[in-house]
Amino acid sequence: MPDKQPVPLIELLIRFVTWSGSPWLTLISILIAGSLFALATALIPLVVGQLLTQILPGGNRQLMQSLPLILAILLLIAIFAGWVVYYLLERLLSRAILDIRTELFKKLLALPPAYSDLPPDTISLYFFQSIEKLSHNASLLGVCLSRDLLTAAGLLSVMIWLNSEMSLLAFSVLATTFFIRQIFHVNVRQRDMLGQKQHEVSKMLAKILRFNRVIYLARSYEQEIRHTRHSFEQLQSFWQKQFRRTKLMELLTYLLLTGILTASLYYLLQQLASNQLTVGDAVAFFLAGVMLIFPLQRLFEVSSLLKQCSKALQVIFSLLNQDSGIIDENPHTTQFKRGKGKLQFEGVSFRSCQTEYRLPNFDLEIVSGQKIALINQETDINRLFADLACGFVQPSTGRILLDNNDIKWINSTELRSYIAWIAPDEDLLNDTVAINIAYGSARCSNEIAITTAAHASQAMEFIRKLPQGLQTKINQPALLLSDDERQRILIARALLKNPSFIILDESTACFDTDNTALLQALQVLLNNRTALILSSRPAMLDLAEQQFDPEKPILISACHSGGCTVR
């Protein structure tokens, strides 16, 4: 999905950082914490140098006793300020990432049906790989600009102040350290666990998006977004724990290494006689040079970090900048009186460069209450026909009438209330049975209506046996619903909506028609309703009155499991 035109890197970074609102207070706090860290770090070599000077003969014993306390305070300030920088950056990025993931999901729901069958790997690229890459590099970039830059400036100032001539030699030595491998590595086991969780969420998202037509017609965007956001929050919480633990270990290791170097130099420099520098100044200078390696090493990676952030942002915004398809409202739509589901195709054909599938010019009239089975061997052809009937895509020629009204001019809210799309393998929400039946923003949780729909779909037969009945939460480890029980809940959901037009979609899975209760529920659902049945199974053909092949528009009547006759 290419972007319309390249977007400058600075604009992308600004859009990302400001996604969750104005971040200026947080950014100012990060700069303050970074300045405090830089100041404490720059003073540590000077305090260590003075401590060693006072230990030597002729030193001030009273001052020597105070310096360890000052050093300890500076170390605590550095630890605290460094942790605050990481915490504030992680908080800022996490909020932006959670909102962007939610917006990506909303965008995918709003895109045309051609985008509804994205594989899990593509979804993982948008939701996890690109965002994880962006988050990691943006965090490092933030640390470089807010903490390391100030720290390097402070340490350089200390070294130049101690001895400007030796500083030039020290800088040439430090230049060789930029080729040292990264000291800290991400825990491989935790990364594998995170990747596994991301893959599970990606599969869940792929399945939800495969049923975006059902979600659209049920007007249940908010429920799906809320439950998906909860999954993102759980994943984000796992990542945050791993992130905080890793960063804390990095800080502790950094300070431990500094302590070891300081102790080694303390022992060595006690044996040396002073030359141009005092022992204390020499120790301070050398320690400042060693400490300077770490911030300079990260600062020299800024260019690479910017490139990595740019690549990830281009992927993310290439999707966010796509034009919405399904939910774009025609400004010229009108209200219409709800009818009984009469559907007419007048001179309809379909051709598009976005798909290889085409429909020839045809005329068709489906009277109200009629059941038509779509029997083309290509499931995408049958879905394309159903998409045309629902107004998801527009025909290349001709028009489609619903109760004598062109669907192109019907208000989308009215049209959605008119139609129900049911797929047997659609996932249920991780919520109560009642909320799953009352799926969609337009239906309030009226227990009487929900119970009536559950009875009509034969679902109360097993619901009354559940621990809390309608208030029992689905997807609990101890509660496993069979396929026919889940499908009866889906039928109850459609009955509660009370549409005039039904689409039964067996493109990816089959209804358990061997179950008598489910078959009765399907018959109740189809009674006095117009229906398109996307299936060629004999059990489903028995529910239809006629068959139709969209590529060879000839109606076949008298459908039953024993055969059909051409009309």
Protein backbone atom coordinates (compact mmCIF):
# COMPACT_ATOMS: atom_id res chain seq x y z
CA MET A 1 0.00 0.00 0.00
CA PRO A 2 2.19 2.82 -1.13
CA ASP A 3 1.86 6.27 0.25
CA LYS A 4 0.51 8.98 -1.99
CA GLN A 5 3.73 11.00 -1.83
CA PRO A 6 6.88 10.98 0.31
CA VAL A 7 6.49 12.77 3.60
CA PRO A 8 9.52 14.59 5.10
CA LEU A 9 11.14 12.84 8.05
CA ILE A 10 10.73 15.82 10.40
CA GLU A 11 6.99 15.97 9.66
CA LEU A 12 6.65 12.24 10.34
CA LEU A 13 8.50 12.52 13.66
CA ILE A 14 6.36 15.47 14.74
CA ARG A 15 3.16 13.59 13.82
CA PHE A 16 4.35 10.57 15.81
CA VAL A 17 5.43 12.42 18.96
CA THR A 18 2.33 14.66 19.04
CA TRP A 19 -0.09 11.83 18.28
CA SER A 20 -1.53 11.72 21.81
CA GLY A 21 -1.76 15.48 22.22
CA SER A 22 0.69 18.16 23.27
CA PRO A 23 3.87 16.53 24.68
CA TRP A 24 5.65 19.72 25.66
CA LEU A 25 5.35 19.31 29.44
CA THR A 26 6.75 15.79 29.21
CA LEU A 27 9.56 16.90 26.88
CA ILE A 28 10.53 19.73 29.24
CA SER A 29 10.59 17.25 32.14
CA ILE A 30 12.83 14.94 30.09
CA LEU A 31 15.25 17.79 29.37
CA ILE A 32 15.36 18.76 33.06
CA ALA A 33 16.06 15.16 34.10
CA GLY A 34 18.68 14.84 31.34
CA SER A 35 20.39 18.05 32.49
CA LEU A 36 20.44 16.79 36.08
CA PHE A 37 21.96 13.48 34.94
CA ALA A 38 24.60 15.32 32.86
CA LEU A 39 25.53 17.63 35.73
CA ALA A 40 25.89 14.78 38.24
CA THR A 41 27.88 12.69 35.76
CA ALA A 42 30.25 15.57 34.95
CA LEU A 43 30.93 16.22 38.66
CA ILE A 44 31.72 12.57 39.48
CA PRO A 45 35.26 12.62 37.96
CA LEU A 46 36.09 15.85 39.82
CA VAL A 47 34.90 14.44 43.15
CA VAL A 48 36.81 11.18 42.59
CA GLY A 49 39.96 13.17 41.73
CA GLN A 50 39.65 15.29 44.86
CA LEU A 51 39.05 12.19 46.96
CA LEU A 52 42.30 10.61 45.76
CA THR A 53 44.18 13.87 46.30
CA GLN A 54 43.03 14.07 49.92
CA ILE A 55 44.00 10.45 50.56
CA LEU A 56 47.64 11.18 49.66
CA PRO A 57 49.99 12.52 52.34
CA GLY A 58 49.26 16.13 53.14
CA GLY A 59 45.59 15.83 52.29
CA ASN A 60 42.71 17.32 54.23
CA ARG A 61 41.36 14.47 56.37
CA GLN A 62 38.13 16.27 57.19
CA LEU A 63 37.43 16.92 53.51
CA MET A 64 38.33 13.33 52.70
CA GLN A 65 35.57 12.10 55.00
CA SER A 66 32.98 14.34 53.29
CA LEU A 67 33.85 13.48 49.68
CA PRO A 68 32.57 9.83 49.75
CA LEU A 69 29.19 11.13 50.88
CA ILE A 70 29.17 13.68 48.05
CA LEU A 71 30.14 10.96 45.57
CA ALA A 72 27.34 8.70 46.80
CA ILE A 73 24.82 11.54 46.45
CA LEU A 74 25.99 12.25 42.88
CA LEU A 75 25.67 8.55 41.98
CA LEU A 76 22.14 8.43 43.40
CA ILE A 77 21.20 11.59 41.51
CA ALA A 78 22.58 10.10 38.28
CA ILE A 79 20.66 6.84 38.79
CA PHE A 80 17.43 8.67 39.63
CA ALA A 81 17.69 11.23 36.81
CA GLY A 82 18.65 8.56 34.26
CA TRP A 83 15.68 6.40 35.27
CA VAL A 84 13.35 9.40 35.07
CA VAL A 85 14.52 10.08 31.49
CA TYR A 86 13.81 6.47 30.48
CA TYR A 87 10.47 6.41 32.30
CA LEU A 88 9.18 9.65 30.78
CA LEU A 89 10.31 8.64 27.29
CA GLU A 90 8.72 5.22 27.65
CA ARG A 91 5.50 6.79 28.92
CA LEU A 92 5.39 9.28 26.05
CA LEU A 93 6.12 6.64 23.42
CA SER A 94 3.76 4.04 24.90
CA ARG A 95 0.82 6.43 24.86
CA ALA A 96 1.53 7.40 21.24
CA ILE A 97 2.05 3.77 20.17
CA LEU A 98 -1.18 2.56 21.80
CA ASP A 99 -3.16 5.31 20.06
CA ILE A 100 -1.46 4.64 16.71
CA ARG A 101 -2.20 0.91 16.93
CA THR A 102 -5.83 1.73 17.66
CA GLU A 103 -5.95 4.15 14.70
CA LEU A 104 -4.36 1.53 12.44
CA PHE A 105 -7.08 -0.94 13.42
CA LYS A 106 -9.81 1.66 12.84
CA LYS A 107 -8.29 2.45 9.44
CA LEU A 108 -8.22 -1.22 8.40
CA LEU A 109 -11.87 -1.59 9.41
CA ALA A 110 -12.74 1.45 7.31
CA LEU A 111 -10.86 0.41 4.16
CA PRO A 112 -12.61 -1.28 1.20
CA PRO A 113 -13.24 -5.07 1.28
CA ALA A 114 -10.11 -5.68 -0.82
CA TYR A 115 -8.06 -5.01 2.33
CA SER A 116 -10.04 -7.35 4.57
CA ASP A 117 -8.05 -10.51 3.80
CA LEU A 118 -4.59 -9.31 4.81
CA PRO A 119 -2.37 -12.19 5.99
CA PRO A 120 -1.14 -12.17 9.62
CA ASP A 121 2.43 -11.41 8.46
CA THR A 122 1.30 -8.18 6.79
CA ILE A 123 -0.74 -7.20 9.84
CA SER A 124 2.25 -7.95 12.06
CA LEU A 125 4.36 -5.67 9.87
CA TYR A 126 2.01 -2.74 10.52
CA PHE A 127 1.05 -3.36 14.14
CA PHE A 128 4.20 -4.81 15.65
CA GLN A 129 7.36 -4.99 13.54
CA SER A 130 7.30 -1.38 12.32
CA ILE A 131 6.04 0.01 15.63
CA GLU A 132 8.51 -2.01 17.73
CA LYS A 133 11.31 -0.83 15.46
CA LEU A 134 10.07 2.75 15.69
CA SER A 135 9.66 2.62 19.47
CA HIS A 136 13.13 1.18 20.06
CA ASN A 137 14.90 3.66 17.78
CA ALA A 138 12.82 6.64 18.94
CA SER A 139 13.66 5.77 22.57
CA LEU A 140 17.38 5.64 21.79
CA LEU A 141 17.11 8.86 19.83
CA GLY A 142 15.36 10.57 22.72
CA VAL A 143 18.04 9.44 25.17
CA CYS A 144 20.78 10.66 22.82
CA LEU A 145 19.29 14.12 22.41
CA SER A 146 18.06 14.67 25.95
CA ARG A 147 20.75 12.99 28.07
CA ASP A 148 23.82 11.86 26.15
CA LEU A 149 24.33 15.15 24.32
CA LEU A 150 24.32 17.10 27.59
CA THR A 151 26.45 14.48 29.33
CA ALA A 152 29.08 14.52 26.57
CA ALA A 153 29.18 18.33 26.67
CA GLY A 154 29.67 18.27 30.46
CA LEU A 155 32.45 15.66 30.40
CA LEU A 156 34.23 17.40 27.53
CA SER A 157 34.13 20.65 29.47
CA VAL A 158 35.67 18.92 32.52
CA MET A 159 38.48 17.41 30.44
CA ILE A 160 39.31 20.70 28.71
CA TRP A 161 39.22 22.52 32.04
CA LEU A 162 41.64 20.03 33.59
CA ASN A 163 44.14 20.03 30.71
CA SER A 164 43.37 21.25 27.21
CA GLU A 165 46.54 19.74 25.65
CA MET A 166 45.86 16.25 26.92
CA SER A 167 42.25 16.58 25.81
CA LEU A 168 43.31 16.49 22.16
CA LEU A 169 45.19 13.22 22.72
CA ALA A 170 42.28 11.77 24.67
CA PHE A 171 39.83 12.63 21.90
CA SER A 172 41.92 10.71 19.37
CA VAL A 173 41.91 7.69 21.69
CA LEU A 174 38.14 7.92 22.18
CA ALA A 175 37.65 7.90 18.41
CA THR A 176 38.78 4.26 18.33
CA THR A 177 36.10 3.23 20.82
CA PHE A 178 33.25 3.93 18.41
CA PHE A 179 33.88 0.58 16.70
CA ILE A 180 33.30 -1.42 19.89
CA ARG A 181 30.33 -3.72 19.74
CA GLN A 182 27.19 -2.92 21.64
CA ILE A 183 27.64 -3.76 25.33
CA PHE A 184 24.07 -4.58 26.12
CA HIS A 185 22.00 -7.20 24.29
CA VAL A 186 18.28 -7.83 24.44
CA ASN A 187 17.32 -11.00 26.29
CA VAL A 188 16.66 -13.56 23.52
CA ARG A 189 14.13 -15.55 25.49
CA GLN A 190 12.01 -12.50 26.32
CA ARG A 191 12.15 -11.36 22.71
CA ASP A 192 10.88 -14.78 21.59
CA MET A 193 8.02 -14.60 24.08
CA LEU A 194 7.12 -11.11 22.89
CA GLY A 195 7.21 -12.25 19.26
CA GLN A 196 4.92 -15.17 20.08
CA LYS A 197 2.39 -12.89 21.79
CA GLN A 198 2.52 -10.48 18.86
CA HIS A 199 1.86 -13.31 16.42
CA GLU A 200 -1.18 -14.43 18.44
CA VAL A 201 -2.61 -10.91 18.44
CA SER A 202 -1.88 -10.60 14.70
CA LYS A 203 -3.88 -13.76 14.00
CA MET A 204 -6.74 -12.38 16.11
CA LEU A 205 -6.67 -9.11 14.15
CA ALA A 206 -6.57 -10.96 10.82
CA LYS A 207 -9.68 -12.89 11.77
CA ILE A 208 -11.51 -9.76 12.91
CA LEU A 209 -10.65 -7.94 9.69
CA ARG A 210 -11.87 -10.90 7.64
CA PHE A 211 -15.28 -10.17 9.11
CA ASN A 212 -15.19 -6.40 8.71
CA ARG A 213 -18.41 -6.61 6.70
CA VAL A 214 -20.15 -8.21 9.67
CA ILE A 215 -18.71 -5.57 11.99
CA TYR A 216 -19.73 -2.80 9.65
CA LEU A 217 -23.30 -4.01 9.29
CA ALA A 218 -23.60 -4.63 13.03
CA ARG A 219 -22.34 -1.11 13.77
CA SER A 220 -19.98 -2.55 16.33
CA TYR A 221 -16.81 -0.58 15.59
CA GLU A 222 -16.56 0.78 19.13
CA GLN A 223 -16.89 -2.65 20.74
CA GLU A 224 -14.25 -4.21 18.48
CA ILE A 225 -11.93 -1.23 18.97
CA ARG A 226 -12.39 -1.35 22.75
CA HIS A 227 -11.67 -5.08 22.99
CA THR A 228 -8.75 -4.87 20.57
CA ARG A 229 -7.31 -1.94 22.49
CA HIS A 230 -7.49 -4.10 25.64
CA SER A 231 -5.38 -6.75 23.85
CA PHE A 232 -2.92 -4.04 22.86
CA GLU A 233 -2.79 -2.84 26.47
CA GLN A 234 -1.95 -6.33 27.72
CA LEU A 235 0.80 -6.66 25.12
CA GLN A 236 2.02 -3.16 25.92
CA SER A 237 2.15 -4.02 29.64
CA PHE A 238 4.32 -7.07 28.92
CA TRP A 239 6.61 -4.96 26.74
CA GLN A 240 6.83 -2.20 29.35
CA LYS A 241 7.95 -4.64 32.07
CA GLN A 242 10.62 -6.01 29.76
CA PHE A 243 11.67 -2.49 28.71
CA ARG A 244 11.98 -1.18 32.29
CA ARG A 245 13.88 -4.22 33.47
CA THR A 246 16.32 -4.01 30.54
CA LYS A 247 16.95 -0.28 30.95
CA LEU A 248 17.46 -0.60 34.70
CA MET A 249 20.05 -3.33 34.12
CA GLU A 250 21.80 -1.12 31.57
CA LEU A 251 22.03 1.74 34.06
CA LEU A 252 23.29 -0.50 36.86
CA THR A 253 25.86 -2.13 34.58
CA TYR A 254 27.02 1.29 33.38
CA LEU A 255 27.53 2.51 36.94
CA LEU A 256 29.17 -0.76 38.01
CA LEU A 257 31.65 -0.52 35.15
CA THR A 258 32.40 3.06 36.12
CA GLY A 259 33.03 1.98 39.71
CA ILE A 260 35.41 -0.81 38.67
CA LEU A 261 37.42 1.53 36.47
CA THR A 262 37.56 4.11 39.24
CA ALA A 263 38.81 1.56 41.76
CA SER A 264 41.50 0.31 39.36
CA LEU A 265 42.74 3.81 38.64
CA TYR A 266 42.67 4.66 42.35
CA TYR A 267 45.13 1.86 43.09
CA LEU A 268 47.36 2.59 40.09
CA LEU A 269 47.62 6.35 40.48
CA GLN A 270 48.61 6.06 44.13
CA GLN A 271 51.92 4.69 42.85
CA LEU A 272 52.63 7.52 40.45
CA ALA A 273 54.41 10.76 41.10
CA SER A 274 52.77 13.97 39.93
CA ASN A 275 54.04 15.63 36.75
CA GLN A 276 52.00 18.34 34.95
CA LEU A 277 48.83 17.12 36.63
CA THR A 278 48.22 16.28 40.20
CA VAL A 279 47.22 12.74 40.92
CA GLY A 280 43.68 13.85 41.53
CA ASP A 281 43.47 15.77 38.29
CA ALA A 282 44.96 12.88 36.34
CA VAL A 283 42.39 10.48 37.78
CA ALA A 284 39.57 12.91 37.10
CA PHE A 285 40.75 13.42 33.54
CA PHE A 286 41.11 9.72 32.79
CA LEU A 287 37.78 8.84 34.41
CA ALA A 288 36.01 11.60 32.48
CA GLY A 289 37.50 10.23 29.24
CA VAL A 290 36.32 6.70 29.97
CA MET A 291 32.84 7.90 30.91
CA LEU A 292 32.72 9.94 27.71
CA ILE A 293 32.94 6.78 25.58
CA PHE A 294 29.33 5.75 26.26
CA PRO A 295 27.44 8.94 25.34
CA LEU A 296 29.67 9.59 22.32
CA GLN A 297 29.13 6.06 21.05
CA ARG A 298 25.36 6.58 21.10
CA LEU A 299 25.56 10.09 19.66
CA PHE A 300 27.42 8.81 16.61
CA GLU A 301 24.45 6.48 15.95
CA VAL A 302 21.93 9.33 15.66
CA SER A 303 22.03 9.32 11.86
CA SER A 304 21.33 5.59 11.74
CA LEU A 305 18.53 5.95 14.31
CA LEU A 306 16.88 8.69 12.21
CA LYS A 307 16.96 6.47 9.12
CA GLN A 308 15.43 3.54 11.01
CA CYS A 309 12.69 5.77 12.44
CA SER A 310 11.99 7.15 8.98
CA LYS A 311 11.54 3.67 7.46
CA ALA A 312 9.17 2.58 10.23
CA LEU A 313 7.13 5.80 10.06
CA GLN A 314 6.78 5.53 6.28
CA VAL A 315 5.28 2.04 6.67
CA ILE A 316 2.86 3.14 9.41
CA PHE A 317 1.64 6.31 7.72
CA SER A 318 1.38 4.62 4.32
CA LEU A 319 -1.60 2.83 5.82
CA LEU A 320 -2.96 5.71 7.89
CA ASN A 321 -2.92 7.98 4.83
CA GLN A 322 -5.08 5.59 2.79
CA ASP A 323 -8.51 6.87 1.82
CA SER A 324 -11.30 5.19 3.76
CA GLY A 325 -13.72 3.16 1.70
CA ILE A 326 -16.59 1.61 3.65
CA ILE A 327 -17.45 4.29 6.17
CA ASP A 328 -17.17 7.30 3.85
CA GLU A 329 -20.67 8.74 3.87
CA ASN A 330 -22.18 10.01 0.62
CA PRO A 331 -23.21 13.62 1.39
CA HIS A 332 -26.20 13.32 -0.95
CA THR A 333 -27.81 10.30 0.70
CA THR A 334 -31.45 10.40 1.73
CA GLN A 335 -33.64 8.65 4.29
CA PHE A 336 -35.94 5.94 3.03
CA LYS A 337 -38.76 3.89 4.43
CA ARG A 338 -37.69 0.41 5.40
CA GLY A 339 -39.22 -2.31 3.23
CA LYS A 340 -39.18 -6.10 3.08
CA GLY A 341 -35.91 -6.75 1.25
CA LYS A 342 -36.67 -6.64 -2.48
CA LEU A 343 -33.38 -6.47 -4.40
CA GLN A 344 -32.97 -5.53 -8.08
CA PHE A 345 -29.88 -5.48 -10.30
CA GLU A 346 -30.40 -3.40 -13.45
CA GLY A 347 -27.67 -3.59 -16.12
CA VAL A 348 -25.03 -4.27 -13.47
CA SER A 349 -21.44 -5.15 -14.32
CA PHE A 350 -18.17 -4.85 -12.41
CA ARG A 351 -14.59 -4.28 -13.53
CA SER A 352 -11.73 -2.96 -11.43
CA CYS A 353 -7.95 -2.68 -11.79
CA GLN A 354 -7.63 -3.54 -8.08
CA THR A 355 -8.94 -7.08 -8.52
CA GLU A 356 -8.81 -9.71 -11.23
CA TYR A 357 -12.44 -10.67 -10.72
CA ARG A 358 -15.13 -9.28 -13.02
CA LEU A 359 -18.87 -9.62 -13.40
CA PRO A 360 -20.59 -9.49 -16.80
CA ASN A 361 -23.57 -7.27 -17.47
CA PHE A 362 -26.72 -8.83 -15.99
CA ASP A 363 -30.23 -8.10 -14.72
CA LEU A 364 -31.68 -9.84 -11.68
CA GLU A 365 -34.65 -9.37 -9.40
CA ILE A 366 -34.81 -10.97 -5.96
CA VAL A 367 -38.27 -10.58 -4.48
CA SER A 368 -38.70 -9.99 -0.77
CA GLY A 369 -38.37 -13.19 1.26
CA GLN A 370 -36.56 -15.05 -1.52
CA LYS A 371 -33.44 -17.12 -0.73
CA ILE A 372 -30.69 -17.25 -3.38
CA ALA A 373 -27.62 -19.50 -3.21
CA LEU A 374 -24.48 -18.16 -4.91
CA ILE A 375 -22.70 -21.19 -6.33
CA ASN A 376 -19.67 -19.90 -8.24
CA GLN A 377 -16.58 -22.00 -7.53
CA GLU A 378 -14.59 -18.86 -6.76
CA THR A 379 -15.60 -17.67 -3.29
CA ASP A 380 -14.26 -14.19 -4.11
CA ILE A 381 -16.78 -13.92 -6.97
CA ASN A 382 -19.64 -14.76 -4.61
CA ARG A 383 -18.33 -12.26 -2.06
CA LEU A 384 -18.03 -9.61 -4.75
CA PHE A 385 -21.70 -10.12 -5.60
CA ALA A 386 -22.62 -9.82 -1.91
CA ASP A 387 -20.44 -6.71 -1.57
CA LEU A 388 -22.35 -5.11 -4.44
CA ALA A 389 -25.66 -5.97 -2.77
CA CYS A 390 -24.46 -4.38 0.50
CA GLY A 391 -23.06 -1.26 -1.15
CA PHE A 392 -19.48 -2.03 -0.10
CA VAL A 393 -18.38 -1.62 -3.73
CA GLN A 394 -20.12 0.23 -6.55
CA PRO A 395 -20.92 -1.39 -9.92
CA SER A 396 -19.06 -0.23 -13.02
CA THR A 397 -22.35 0.06 -14.87
CA GLY A 398 -26.02 -0.08 -13.93
CA ARG A 399 -27.62 0.33 -10.55
CA ILE A 400 -28.76 -1.77 -7.58
CA LEU A 401 -32.15 -1.10 -5.99
CA LEU A 402 -33.22 -2.07 -2.49
CA ASP A 403 -36.97 -1.82 -2.13
CA ASN A 404 -36.97 0.40 -5.24
CA ASN A 405 -34.28 2.73 -3.78
CA ASP A 406 -30.82 3.01 -5.34
CA ILE A 407 -28.46 1.83 -2.58
CA LYS A 408 -25.94 4.45 -3.68
CA TRP A 409 -28.27 7.12 -2.28
CA ILE A 410 -29.42 5.27 0.84
CA ASN A 411 -28.07 6.61 4.12
CA SER A 412 -25.37 4.21 5.37
CA THR A 413 -26.91 3.97 8.85
CA GLU A 414 -30.23 2.93 7.36
CA LEU A 415 -28.54 0.48 5.01
CA ARG A 416 -26.55 -1.15 7.82
CA SER A 417 -29.68 -1.65 9.92
CA TYR A 418 -31.22 -3.39 6.91
CA ILE A 419 -28.59 -6.11 6.45
CA ALA A 420 -26.90 -8.80 8.58
CA TRP A 421 -23.81 -10.71 7.40
CA ILE A 422 -23.12 -13.96 9.26
CA ALA A 423 -19.97 -16.07 8.94
CA PRO A 424 -19.83 -19.33 10.94
CA ASP A 425 -16.21 -18.91 12.09
CA GLU A 426 -16.55 -15.32 13.27
CA ASP A 427 -14.88 -14.80 16.64
CA LEU A 428 -16.97 -13.85 19.66
CA LEU A 429 -15.93 -11.01 21.94
CA ASN A 430 -14.11 -11.91 25.14
CA ASP A 431 -17.14 -10.75 27.11
CA THR A 432 -20.48 -12.00 28.40
CA VAL A 433 -22.96 -13.95 26.30
CA ALA A 434 -25.44 -11.08 26.58
CA ILE A 435 -22.96 -8.51 25.24
CA ASN A 436 -22.07 -10.85 22.38
CA ILE A 437 -25.71 -11.15 21.40
CA ALA A 438 -26.22 -7.39 21.75
CA TYR A 439 -23.25 -6.85 19.40
CA GLY A 440 -23.37 -3.41 17.76
CA SER A 441 -23.69 0.13 19.09
CA ALA A 442 -27.33 0.55 18.09
CA ARG A 443 -28.67 -2.16 20.41
CA CYS A 444 -28.84 -1.44 24.11
CA SER A 445 -28.63 -4.33 26.56
CA ASN A 446 -32.35 -5.02 26.87
CA GLU A 447 -32.40 -8.37 28.65
CA ILE A 448 -35.91 -9.25 27.48
CA ALA A 449 -35.01 -8.70 23.82
CA ILE A 450 -31.72 -10.57 24.24
CA THR A 451 -33.46 -13.51 25.92
CA THR A 452 -36.11 -13.61 23.19
CA ALA A 453 -33.43 -13.71 20.47
CA ALA A 454 -31.55 -16.42 22.38
CA HIS A 455 -34.71 -18.54 22.59
CA ALA A 456 -35.46 -18.08 18.89
CA SER A 457 -31.92 -19.18 17.95
CA GLN A 458 -32.13 -22.27 20.20
CA ALA A 459 -29.21 -20.80 22.20
CA MET A 460 -31.01 -20.71 25.57
CA GLU A 461 -30.81 -24.50 25.53
CA PHE A 462 -27.14 -24.28 26.55
CA ILE A 463 -27.02 -20.73 27.93
CA ARG A 464 -29.22 -21.64 30.91
CA LYS A 465 -26.67 -24.34 31.80
CA LEU A 466 -23.79 -21.84 31.98
CA PRO A 467 -22.60 -20.71 35.45
CA GLN A 468 -24.07 -17.18 35.18
CA GLY A 469 -26.40 -17.70 32.25
CA LEU A 470 -26.40 -14.71 29.90
CA GLN A 471 -23.83 -12.99 32.13
CA THR A 472 -21.28 -15.77 31.72
CA LYS A 473 -18.02 -14.63 30.15
CA ILE A 474 -17.01 -16.42 26.97
CA ASN A 475 -13.44 -17.63 26.24
CA GLN A 476 -12.72 -18.59 29.84
CA PRO A 477 -10.23 -21.46 30.18
CA ALA A 478 -12.85 -23.61 31.91
CA LEU A 479 -15.59 -22.73 29.40
CA LEU A 480 -15.35 -24.10 25.88
CA LEU A 481 -18.33 -23.57 23.60
CA SER A 482 -18.79 -25.93 20.68
CA ASP A 483 -18.94 -24.64 17.10
CA ASP A 484 -22.72 -24.98 16.89
CA GLU A 485 -23.16 -23.13 20.21
CA ARG A 486 -21.03 -20.23 18.99
CA GLN A 487 -22.94 -20.17 15.73
CA ARG A 488 -26.27 -20.07 17.55
CA ILE A 489 -25.04 -17.00 19.45
CA LEU A 490 -24.21 -15.40 16.08
CA ILE A 491 -27.72 -16.20 14.85
CA ALA A 492 -29.22 -14.75 18.04
CA ARG A 493 -27.22 -11.59 17.36
CA ALA A 494 -28.73 -11.35 13.87
CA LEU A 495 -32.25 -12.04 15.16
CA LEU A 496 -31.90 -9.25 17.71
CA LYS A 497 -30.93 -6.89 14.90
CA ASN A 498 -34.04 -8.01 12.95
CA PRO A 499 -32.74 -7.27 9.44
CA SER A 500 -34.71 -7.63 6.21
CA PHE A 501 -31.75 -8.96 4.25
CA ILE A 502 -29.47 -11.84 5.40
CA ILE A 503 -26.11 -12.99 4.03
CA LEU A 504 -24.90 -16.43 5.14
CA ASP A 505 -21.20 -16.63 4.24
CA GLU A 506 -19.55 -20.07 4.13
CA SER A 507 -16.49 -18.81 2.24
CA THR A 508 -14.05 -19.79 5.00
CA ALA A 509 -16.02 -22.23 7.22
CA CYS A 510 -19.29 -24.14 7.38
CA PHE A 511 -22.31 -24.01 9.63
CA ASP A 512 -22.78 -27.18 11.67
CA THR A 513 -25.93 -28.17 9.81
CA ASP A 514 -25.72 -31.70 11.25
CA ASN A 515 -26.88 -30.16 14.52
CA THR A 516 -30.68 -30.08 14.59
CA ALA A 517 -30.90 -27.06 16.89
CA LEU A 518 -28.61 -25.01 14.65
CA LEU A 519 -30.54 -25.97 11.53
CA GLN A 520 -33.77 -24.89 13.22
CA ALA A 521 -32.13 -21.60 14.18
CA LEU A 522 -31.10 -20.97 10.56
CA GLN A 523 -34.63 -21.68 9.39
CA VAL A 524 -36.04 -19.21 11.94
CA LEU A 525 -33.52 -16.60 10.84
CA LEU A 526 -34.35 -16.98 7.14
CA ASN A 527 -38.12 -17.05 7.63
CA ASN A 528 -39.75 -14.15 5.72
CA ARG A 529 -36.36 -12.58 5.00
CA THR A 530 -34.45 -12.10 1.76
CA ALA A 531 -31.17 -14.02 1.83
CA LEU A 532 -27.98 -14.63 -0.11
CA ILE A 533 -26.33 -17.95 0.77
CA LEU A 534 -22.65 -18.07 -0.18
CA SER A 535 -22.34 -21.85 -0.26
CA SER A 536 -22.68 -24.84 -2.54
CA ARG A 537 -23.12 -27.47 0.19
CA PRO A 538 -26.29 -29.53 -0.23
CA ALA A 539 -27.44 -28.81 3.33
CA MET A 540 -27.28 -25.07 2.66
CA LEU A 541 -28.79 -25.40 -0.81
CA ASP A 542 -31.81 -26.97 0.85
CA LEU A 543 -32.39 -23.63 2.57
CA ALA A 544 -32.37 -21.78 -0.77
CA GLU A 545 -35.14 -21.49 -3.31
CA GLN A 546 -32.90 -20.70 -6.27
CA GLN A 547 -29.25 -20.86 -7.29
CA PHE A 548 -27.30 -18.15 -9.09
CA ASP A 549 -23.82 -17.99 -10.62
CA PRO A 550 -22.69 -14.34 -10.82
CA GLU A 551 -20.37 -15.13 -13.75
CA LYS A 552 -23.10 -16.98 -15.64
CA PRO A 553 -26.22 -15.08 -14.59
CA ILE A 554 -28.82 -17.84 -14.96
CA LEU A 555 -31.28 -18.61 -12.16
CA ILE A 556 -31.74 -22.27 -11.26
CA SER A 557 -34.89 -23.00 -9.32
CA ALA A 558 -36.34 -25.86 -7.28
CA CYS A 559 -33.13 -26.31 -5.27
CA HIS A 560 -32.84 -29.30 -2.95
CA SER A 561 -30.25 -31.87 -2.06
CA GLY A 562 -31.51 -34.13 -4.82
CA GLY A 563 -30.90 -31.63 -7.62
CA CYS A 564 -32.08 -28.41 -9.31
CA THR A 565 -33.85 -27.44 -12.50
CA VAL A 566 -33.10 -24.49 -14.78
CA ARG A 567 -35.82 -21.90 -15.05
